[in-house]
Amino acid sequence: MRTFLFIFLLISNIYVAQATTRNALTALVILTNFILPTNSQNIVCNSDTDCQRHLHCFFQVAGCKCDVPKRTCV
């Protein structure tokens, strides 16, 4: 019985730690969306690496590409 209780507490602690980390990351993304510009088109670039340096592009799933003729990140 003690072994079962120990394993149950261990698993529940790991689950709580994962949920806390997930909530912290979600809060970080939400905060950065408020702080950073919501539109990546106002970021001037010469190459894709210029766009990837900005946190706004970092948090996008597809990332950002540089539209070289327009010199903006899309």
PDB file of N, CA and C in Angstrom:
ATOM      1  N   MET A   1       0.822  -1.193   0.000  1.00  0.00           N
ATOM      2  CA  MET A   1       0.000   0.000   0.000  1.00  0.00           C
ATOM      3  C   MET A   1       0.874   1.268   0.000  1.00  0.00           C
ATOM      4  N   ARG A   2       1.962   1.227   0.775  1.00  0.00           N
ATOM      5  CA  ARG A   2       2.850   2.385   0.810  1.00  0.00           C
ATOM      6  C   ARG A   2       3.488   2.645  -0.552  1.00  0.00           C
ATOM      7  N   THR A   3       3.866   1.575  -1.222  1.00  0.00           N
ATOM      8  CA  THR A   3       4.489   1.719  -2.537  1.00  0.00           C
ATOM      9  C   THR A   3       3.516   2.359  -3.515  1.00  0.00           C
ATOM     10  N   PHE A   4       2.266   1.905  -3.490  1.00  0.00           N
ATOM     11  CA  PHE A   4       1.247   2.481  -4.369  1.00  0.00           C
ATOM     12  C   PHE A   4       1.060   3.967  -4.075  1.00  0.00           C
ATOM     13  N   LEU A   5       0.985   4.321  -2.815  1.00  0.00           N
ATOM     14  CA  LEU A   5       0.805   5.715  -2.418  1.00  0.00           C
ATOM     15  C   LEU A   5       2.005   6.553  -2.855  1.00  0.00           C
ATOM     16  N   PHE A   6       3.210   6.023  -2.702  1.00  0.00           N
ATOM     17  CA  PHE A   6       4.408   6.740  -3.113  1.00  0.00           C
ATOM     18  C   PHE A   6       4.403   6.991  -4.622  1.00  0.00           C
ATOM     19  N   ILE A   7       4.078   5.968  -5.397  1.00  0.00           N
ATOM     20  CA  ILE A   7       4.042   6.110  -6.861  1.00  0.00           C
ATOM     21  C   ILE A   7       2.955   7.100  -7.274  1.00  0.00           C
ATOM     22  N   PHE A   8       1.797   7.027  -6.631  1.00  0.00           N
ATOM     23  CA  PHE A   8       0.705   7.954  -6.946  1.00  0.00           C
ATOM     24  C   PHE A   8       1.114   9.397  -6.669  1.00  0.00           C
ATOM     25  N   LEU A   9       1.742   9.651  -5.524  1.00  0.00           N
ATOM     26  CA  LEU A   9       2.184  11.002  -5.186  1.00  0.00           C
ATOM     27  C   LEU A   9       3.277  11.487  -6.143  1.00  0.00           C
ATOM     28  N   LEU A  10       4.158  10.603  -6.525  1.00  0.00           N
ATOM     29  CA  LEU A  10       5.226  10.960  -7.454  1.00  0.00           C
ATOM     30  C   LEU A  10       4.645  11.362  -8.805  1.00  0.00           C
ATOM     31  N   ILE A  11       3.709  10.558  -9.305  1.00  0.00           N
ATOM     32  CA  ILE A  11       3.089  10.866 -10.594  1.00  0.00           C
ATOM     33  C   ILE A  11       2.283  12.161 -10.513  1.00  0.00           C
ATOM     34  N   SER A  12       1.553  12.367  -9.442  1.00  0.00           N
ATOM     35  CA  SER A  12       0.748  13.580  -9.330  1.00  0.00           C
ATOM     36  C   SER A  12       1.636  14.821  -9.222  1.00  0.00           C
ATOM     37  N   ASN A  13       2.777  14.710  -8.546  1.00  0.00           N
ATOM     38  CA  ASN A  13       3.711  15.844  -8.474  1.00  0.00           C
ATOM     39  C   ASN A  13       4.291  16.178  -9.835  1.00  0.00           C
ATOM     40  N   ILE A  14       4.617  15.167 -10.609  1.00  0.00           N
ATOM     41  CA  ILE A  14       5.139  15.405 -11.961  1.00  0.00           C
ATOM     42  C   ILE A  14       4.066  16.073 -12.814  1.00  0.00           C
ATOM     43  N   TYR A  15       2.815  15.624 -12.696  1.00  0.00           N
ATOM     44  CA  TYR A  15       1.727  16.214 -13.467  1.00  0.00           C
ATOM     45  C   TYR A  15       1.526  17.680 -13.098  1.00  0.00           C
ATOM     46  N   VAL A  16       1.583  17.996 -11.818  1.00  0.00           N
ATOM     47  CA  VAL A  16       1.408  19.383 -11.366  1.00  0.00           C
ATOM     48  C   VAL A  16       2.561  20.243 -11.881  1.00  0.00           C
ATOM     49  N   ALA A  17       3.763  19.712 -11.857  1.00  0.00           N
ATOM     50  CA  ALA A  17       4.916  20.467 -12.356  1.00  0.00           C
ATOM     51  C   ALA A  17       4.775  20.752 -13.849  1.00  0.00           C
ATOM     52  N   GLN A  18       4.289  19.771 -14.615  1.00  0.00           N
ATOM     53  CA  GLN A  18       4.089  19.970 -16.046  1.00  0.00           C
ATOM     54  C   GLN A  18       3.006  21.017 -16.295  1.00  0.00           C
ATOM     55  N   ALA A  19       1.926  20.968 -15.532  1.00  0.00           N
ATOM     56  CA  ALA A  19       0.838  21.930 -15.703  1.00  0.00           C
ATOM     57  C   ALA A  19       1.315  23.337 -15.350  1.00  0.00           C
ATOM     58  N   THR A  20       2.122  23.459 -14.316  1.00  0.00           N
ATOM     59  CA  THR A  20       2.642  24.769 -13.924  1.00  0.00           C
ATOM     60  C   THR A  20       3.551  25.334 -15.006  1.00  0.00           C
ATOM     61  N   THR A  21       4.414  24.495 -15.565  1.00  0.00           N
ATOM     62  CA  THR A  21       5.306  24.939 -16.635  1.00  0.00           C
ATOM     63  C   THR A  21       4.501  25.348 -17.856  1.00  0.00           C
ATOM     64  N   ARG A  22       3.485  24.570 -18.195  1.00  0.00           N
ATOM     65  CA  ARG A  22       2.644  24.877 -19.350  1.00  0.00           C
ATOM     66  C   ARG A  22       1.924  26.200 -19.139  1.00  0.00           C
ATOM     67  N   ASN A  23       1.412  26.435 -17.939  1.00  0.00           N
ATOM     68  CA  ASN A  23       0.732  27.698 -17.651  1.00  0.00           C
ATOM     69  C   ASN A  23       1.701  28.868 -17.710  1.00  0.00           C
ATOM     70  N   ALA A  24       2.908  28.664 -17.228  1.00  0.00           N
ATOM     71  CA  ALA A  24       3.904  29.738 -17.261  1.00  0.00           C
ATOM     72  C   ALA A  24       4.277  30.083 -18.700  1.00  0.00           C
ATOM     73  N   LEU A  25       4.448  29.077 -19.547  1.00  0.00           N
ATOM     74  CA  LEU A  25       4.772  29.335 -20.946  1.00  0.00           C
ATOM     75  C   LEU A  25       3.622  30.021 -21.663  1.00  0.00           C
ATOM     76  N   THR A  26       2.395  29.611 -21.361  1.00  0.00           N
ATOM     77  CA  THR A  26       1.230  30.257 -21.965  1.00  0.00           C
ATOM     78  C   THR A  26       1.154  31.717 -21.546  1.00  0.00           C
ATOM     79  N   ALA A  27       1.394  31.986 -20.284  1.00  0.00           N
ATOM     80  CA  ALA A  27       1.377  33.377 -19.802  1.00  0.00           C
ATOM     81  C   ALA A  27       2.470  34.190 -20.480  1.00  0.00           C
ATOM     82  N   LEU A  28       3.641  33.589 -20.677  1.00  0.00           N
ATOM     83  CA  LEU A  28       4.736  34.288 -21.343  1.00  0.00           C
ATOM     84  C   LEU A  28       4.367  34.650 -22.777  1.00  0.00           C
ATOM     85  N   VAL A  29       3.758  33.718 -23.491  1.00  0.00           N
ATOM     86  CA  VAL A  29       3.354  33.985 -24.874  1.00  0.00           C
ATOM     87  C   VAL A  29       2.288  35.076 -24.921  1.00  0.00           C
ATOM     88  N   ILE A  30       1.325  35.023 -24.019  1.00  0.00           N
ATOM     89  CA  ILE A  30       0.267  36.040 -23.983  1.00  0.00           C
ATOM     90  C   ILE A  30       0.861  37.412 -23.684  1.00  0.00           C
ATOM     91  N   LEU A  31       1.770  37.480 -22.721  1.00  0.00           N
ATOM     92  CA  LEU A  31       2.388  38.761 -22.380  1.00  0.00           C
ATOM     93  C   LEU A  31       3.214  39.318 -23.531  1.00  0.00           C
ATOM     94  N   THR A  32       3.967  38.452 -24.204  1.00  0.00           N
ATOM     95  CA  THR A  32       4.780  38.943 -25.314  1.00  0.00           C
ATOM     96  C   THR A  32       3.913  39.390 -26.473  1.00  0.00           C
ATOM     97  N   ASN A  33       2.744  38.790 -26.637  1.00  0.00           N
ATOM     98  CA  ASN A  33       1.848  39.247 -27.699  1.00  0.00           C
ATOM     99  C   ASN A  33       1.313  40.641 -27.408  1.00  0.00           C
ATOM    100  N   PHE A  34       1.145  40.986 -26.138  1.00  0.00           N
ATOM    101  CA  PHE A  34       0.710  42.338 -25.799  1.00  0.00           C
ATOM    102  C   PHE A  34       1.848  43.343 -25.933  1.00  0.00           C
ATOM    103  N   ILE A  35       3.050  42.921 -25.550  1.00  0.00           N
ATOM    104  CA  ILE A  35       4.184  43.840 -25.542  1.00  0.00           C
ATOM    105  C   ILE A  35       4.715  44.068 -26.961  1.00  0.00           C
ATOM    106  N   LEU A  36       4.833  42.989 -27.710  1.00  0.00           N
ATOM    107  CA  LEU A  36       5.426  43.080 -29.038  1.00  0.00           C
ATOM    108  C   LEU A  36       4.376  43.488 -30.066  1.00  0.00           C
ATOM    109  N   PRO A  37       4.803  43.996 -31.217  1.00  0.00           N
ATOM    110  CA  PRO A  37       3.825  44.378 -32.238  1.00  0.00           C
ATOM    111  C   PRO A  37       3.041  43.172 -32.724  1.00  0.00           C
ATOM    112  N   THR A  38       1.750  43.379 -32.978  1.00  0.00           N
ATOM    113  CA  THR A  38       0.911  42.269 -33.422  1.00  0.00           C
ATOM    114  C   THR A  38       1.077  42.012 -34.909  1.00  0.00           C
ATOM    115  N   ASN A  39       1.670  42.938 -35.610  1.00  0.00           N
ATOM    116  CA  ASN A  39       1.856  42.790 -37.038  1.00  0.00           C
ATOM    117  C   ASN A  39       3.346  42.753 -37.336  1.00  0.00           C
ATOM    118  N   SER A  40       3.801  41.681 -37.971  1.00  0.00           N
ATOM    119  CA  SER A  40       5.232  41.553 -38.260  1.00  0.00           C
ATOM    120  C   SER A  40       5.634  42.374 -39.477  1.00  0.00           C
ATOM    121  N   GLN A  41       4.680  42.972 -40.169  1.00  0.00           N
ATOM    122  CA  GLN A  41       5.018  43.704 -41.384  1.00  0.00           C
ATOM    123  C   GLN A  41       5.723  45.023 -41.098  1.00  0.00           C
ATOM    124  N   ASN A  42       5.738  45.468 -39.854  1.00  0.00           N
ATOM    125  CA  ASN A  42       6.476  46.697 -39.559  1.00  0.00           C
ATOM    126  C   ASN A  42       7.919  46.408 -39.155  1.00  0.00           C
ATOM    127  N   ILE A  43       8.373  45.164 -39.262  1.00  0.00           N
ATOM    128  CA  ILE A  43       9.762  44.804 -38.989  1.00  0.00           C
ATOM    129  C   ILE A  43      10.526  44.883 -40.305  1.00  0.00           C
ATOM    130  N   VAL A  44      11.512  45.759 -40.384  1.00  0.00           N
ATOM    131  CA  VAL A  44      12.303  45.919 -41.602  1.00  0.00           C
ATOM    132  C   VAL A  44      13.352  44.817 -41.654  1.00  0.00           C
ATOM    133  N   CYS A  45      13.530  44.229 -42.845  1.00  0.00           N
ATOM    134  CA  CYS A  45      14.473  43.116 -42.954  1.00  0.00           C
ATOM    135  C   CYS A  45      15.212  43.169 -44.281  1.00  0.00           C
ATOM    136  N   ASN A  46      16.353  42.493 -44.308  1.00  0.00           N
ATOM    137  CA  ASN A  46      17.110  42.268 -45.538  1.00  0.00           C
ATOM    138  C   ASN A  46      17.202  40.788 -45.867  1.00  0.00           C
ATOM    139  N   SER A  47      16.966  39.935 -44.864  1.00  0.00           N
ATOM    140  CA  SER A  47      17.015  38.484 -45.070  1.00  0.00           C
ATOM    141  C   SER A  47      16.118  37.808 -44.040  1.00  0.00           C
ATOM    142  N   ASP A  48      15.933  36.491 -44.185  1.00  0.00           N
ATOM    143  CA  ASP A  48      15.092  35.734 -43.251  1.00  0.00           C
ATOM    144  C   ASP A  48      15.650  35.772 -41.831  1.00  0.00           C
ATOM    145  N   THR A  49      16.965  35.827 -41.698  1.00  0.00           N
ATOM    146  CA  THR A  49      17.555  35.843 -40.353  1.00  0.00           C
ATOM    147  C   THR A  49      17.220  37.131 -39.610  1.00  0.00           C
ATOM    148  N   ASP A  50      17.052  38.235 -40.341  1.00  0.00           N
ATOM    149  CA  ASP A  50      16.634  39.480 -39.685  1.00  0.00           C
ATOM    150  C   ASP A  50      15.263  39.315 -39.051  1.00  0.00           C
ATOM    151  N   CYS A  51      14.379  38.602 -39.721  1.00  0.00           N
ATOM    152  CA  CYS A  51      13.033  38.386 -39.182  1.00  0.00           C
ATOM    153  C   CYS A  51      13.067  37.446 -37.982  1.00  0.00           C
ATOM    154  N   GLN A  52      13.897  36.415 -38.060  1.00  0.00           N
ATOM    155  CA  GLN A  52      13.925  35.409 -37.007  1.00  0.00           C
ATOM    156  C   GLN A  52      14.537  35.938 -35.723  1.00  0.00           C
ATOM    157  N   ARG A  53      15.201  37.064 -35.764  1.00  0.00           N
ATOM    158  CA  ARG A  53      15.773  37.652 -34.547  1.00  0.00           C
ATOM    159  C   ARG A  53      14.713  38.279 -33.668  1.00  0.00           C
ATOM    160  N   HIS A  54      13.556  38.575 -34.219  1.00  0.00           N
ATOM    161  CA  HIS A  54      12.499  39.233 -33.455  1.00  0.00           C
ATOM    162  C   HIS A  54      11.652  38.196 -32.731  1.00  0.00           C
ATOM    163  N   LEU A  55      11.307  38.480 -31.469  1.00  0.00           N
ATOM    164  CA  LEU A  55      10.520  37.538 -30.675  1.00  0.00           C
ATOM    165  C   LEU A  55       9.144  37.303 -31.275  1.00  0.00           C
ATOM    166  N   HIS A  56       8.587  38.310 -31.921  1.00  0.00           N
ATOM    167  CA  HIS A  56       7.260  38.146 -32.512  1.00  0.00           C
ATOM    168  C   HIS A  56       7.269  36.993 -33.517  1.00  0.00           C
ATOM    169  N   CYS A  57       8.306  36.915 -34.321  1.00  0.00           N
ATOM    170  CA  CYS A  57       8.411  35.833 -35.306  1.00  0.00           C
ATOM    171  C   CYS A  57       8.780  34.513 -34.634  1.00  0.00           C
ATOM    172  N   PHE A  58       9.521  34.605 -33.540  1.00  0.00           N
ATOM    173  CA  PHE A  58       9.937  33.395 -32.828  1.00  0.00           C
ATOM    174  C   PHE A  58       8.738  32.622 -32.296  1.00  0.00           C
ATOM    175  N   PHE A  59       7.707  33.338 -31.836  1.00  0.00           N
ATOM    176  CA  PHE A  59       6.554  32.664 -31.249  1.00  0.00           C
ATOM    177  C   PHE A  59       5.520  32.233 -32.287  1.00  0.00           C
ATOM    178  N   GLN A  60       5.700  32.589 -33.538  1.00  0.00           N
ATOM    179  CA  GLN A  60       4.780  32.122 -34.569  1.00  0.00           C
ATOM    180  C   GLN A  60       5.172  30.713 -34.968  1.00  0.00           C
ATOM    181  N   VAL A  61       4.167  29.864 -35.218  1.00  0.00           N
ATOM    182  CA  VAL A  61       4.439  28.464 -35.517  1.00  0.00           C
ATOM    183  C   VAL A  61       5.207  28.345 -36.829  1.00  0.00           C
ATOM    184  N   ALA A  62       4.770  29.073 -37.859  1.00  0.00           N
ATOM    185  CA  ALA A  62       5.415  28.975 -39.167  1.00  0.00           C
ATOM    186  C   ALA A  62       6.655  29.849 -39.266  1.00  0.00           C
ATOM    187  N   GLY A  63       6.872  30.725 -38.290  1.00  0.00           N
ATOM    188  CA  GLY A  63       8.004  31.634 -38.354  1.00  0.00           C
ATOM    189  C   GLY A  63       7.725  32.780 -39.312  1.00  0.00           C
ATOM    190  N   CYS A  64       8.732  33.554 -39.620  1.00  0.00           N
ATOM    191  CA  CYS A  64       8.592  34.685 -40.527  1.00  0.00           C
ATOM    192  C   CYS A  64       9.592  34.548 -41.664  1.00  0.00           C
ATOM    193  N   LYS A  65       9.197  35.006 -42.814  1.00  0.00           N
ATOM    194  CA  LYS A  65      10.083  35.076 -43.974  1.00  0.00           C
ATOM    195  C   LYS A  65      10.207  36.534 -44.376  1.00  0.00           C
ATOM    196  N   CYS A  66      11.328  36.874 -44.969  1.00  0.00           N
ATOM    197  CA  CYS A  66      11.549  38.241 -45.405  1.00  0.00           C
ATOM    198  C   CYS A  66      11.083  38.399 -46.850  1.00  0.00           C
ATOM    199  N   ASP A  67      10.183  39.328 -47.059  1.00  0.00           N
ATOM    200  CA  ASP A  67       9.768  39.700 -48.408  1.00  0.00           C
ATOM    201  C   ASP A  67      10.749  40.779 -48.864  1.00  0.00           C
ATOM    202  N   VAL A  68      11.798  40.347 -49.598  1.00  0.00           N
ATOM    203  CA  VAL A  68      12.930  41.222 -49.893  1.00  0.00           C
ATOM    204  C   VAL A  68      12.529  42.472 -50.687  1.00  0.00           C
ATOM    205  N   PRO A  69      11.689  42.364 -51.739  1.00  0.00           N
ATOM    206  CA  PRO A  69      11.333  43.597 -52.459  1.00  0.00           C
ATOM    207  C   PRO A  69      10.630  44.631 -51.562  1.00  0.00           C
ATOM    208  N   LYS A  70       9.774  44.156 -50.651  1.00  0.00           N
ATOM    209  CA  LYS A  70       9.059  45.081 -49.764  1.00  0.00           C
ATOM    210  C   LYS A  70       9.852  45.375 -48.488  1.00  0.00           C
ATOM    211  N   ARG A  71      10.897  44.571 -48.227  1.00  0.00           N
ATOM    212  CA  ARG A  71      11.732  44.692 -47.016  1.00  0.00           C
ATOM    213  C   ARG A  71      10.909  44.607 -45.728  1.00  0.00           C
ATOM    214  N   THR A  72       9.932  43.704 -45.706  1.00  0.00           N
ATOM    215  CA  THR A  72       9.127  43.485 -44.508  1.00  0.00           C
ATOM    216  C   THR A  72       9.040  41.991 -44.224  1.00  0.00           C
ATOM    217  N   CYS A  73       8.799  41.669 -42.967  1.00  0.00           N
ATOM    218  CA  CYS A  73       8.647  40.270 -42.563  1.00  0.00           C
ATOM    219  C   CYS A  73       7.200  39.834 -42.762  1.00  0.00           C
ATOM    220  N   VAL A  74       7.035  38.680 -43.347  1.00  0.00           N
ATOM    221  CA  VAL A  74       5.690  38.116 -43.536  1.00  0.00           C
ATOM    222  C   VAL A  74       5.643  36.708 -43.003  1.00  0.00           C
TER     223      VAL A  74
END
